[in-house]
């Protein structure tokens, strides 16, 4: 993964081992093992989607992404 947002999934955000190439946001890493380049990665942080309840996954201006 590189430059990816994984957050707000139904059954946790990830499971198992993820290979990072950097600059990812993973909302919940409780079931993950992250390997590879962790440069710029953000863990256990809300990406601050605009309105995910209505399907608007654009990012708010205050988003850490």
Protein backbone atom coordinates (compact mmCIF):
# COMPACT_ATOMS: atom_id res chain seq x y z
CA UNK A 1 0.00 0.00 0.00
CA UNK A 2 1.11 3.52 -0.69
CA UNK A 3 -0.80 6.79 -0.22
CA UNK A 4 -3.94 4.92 0.92
CA UNK A 5 -6.72 5.52 3.44
CA UNK A 6 -8.22 2.49 5.16
CA UNK A 7 -10.80 3.57 7.74
CA UNK A 8 -14.39 3.07 8.81
CA UNK A 9 -14.83 -0.47 7.54
CA UNK A 10 -17.57 -2.70 8.94
CA UNK A 11 -15.47 -5.49 10.49
CA UNK A 12 -12.36 -3.56 11.47
CA UNK A 13 -10.04 -1.75 9.15
CA UNK A 14 -7.57 -4.49 8.41
CA UNK A 15 -6.62 -8.03 9.32
CA UNK A 16 -3.29 -9.78 9.04
CA UNK A 17 -0.12 -8.30 7.60
CA UNK A 18 -0.04 -5.19 5.40
CA UNK A 19 3.05 -4.18 3.48
CA UNK A 20 3.44 -0.42 3.50
CA UNK A 21 5.25 1.70 0.97
CA UNK A 22 4.54 4.82 3.05
CA UNK A 23 2.04 7.61 3.54
CA UNK A 24 -1.03 5.59 4.54
CA UNK A 25 -3.74 6.28 7.11
CA UNK A 26 -5.19 3.25 8.86
CA UNK A 27 -8.04 4.10 11.20
CA UNK A 28 -7.90 0.97 13.37
CA UNK A 29 -4.77 -1.17 13.46
CA UNK A 30 -5.92 -3.50 16.25
CA UNK A 31 -5.82 -6.63 14.04
CA UNK A 32 -2.92 -5.56 11.79
CA UNK A 33 0.78 -6.09 11.51
CA UNK A 34 2.39 -3.35 9.42
CA UNK A 35 5.67 -4.13 7.66
CA UNK A 36 7.74 -2.24 5.12
CA UNK A 37 8.27 1.49 4.84
CA UNK A 38 6.27 3.27 7.52
CA UNK A 39 7.36 6.78 6.49
CA UNK A 40 4.45 9.21 6.84
CA UNK A 41 1.97 6.57 8.00
CA UNK A 42 -0.80 7.61 10.40
CA UNK A 43 -2.30 4.97 12.70
CA UNK A 44 -5.48 4.88 14.76
CA UNK A 45 -6.59 8.30 13.52
CA UNK A 46 -9.93 9.43 12.06
CA UNK A 47 -9.44 10.58 8.44
CA UNK A 48 -12.28 13.11 8.92
CA UNK A 49 -14.49 12.24 5.96
CA UNK A 50 -17.02 14.95 5.05
CA UNK A 51 -20.24 12.88 5.47
CA UNK A 52 -19.72 9.13 5.19
CA UNK A 53 -23.34 8.42 6.21
CA UNK A 54 -24.47 9.86 2.87
CA UNK A 55 -21.57 8.41 0.87
CA UNK A 56 -19.45 11.58 0.83
CA UNK A 57 -15.95 10.32 1.57
CA UNK A 58 -14.22 13.54 0.55
CA UNK A 59 -11.94 14.89 3.23
CA UNK A 60 -12.75 17.82 5.51
CA UNK A 61 -10.27 20.74 5.43
CA UNK A 62 -9.07 19.70 8.91
CA UNK A 63 -8.29 16.12 7.84
CA UNK A 64 -4.83 14.81 8.76
CA UNK A 65 -4.65 13.39 5.25
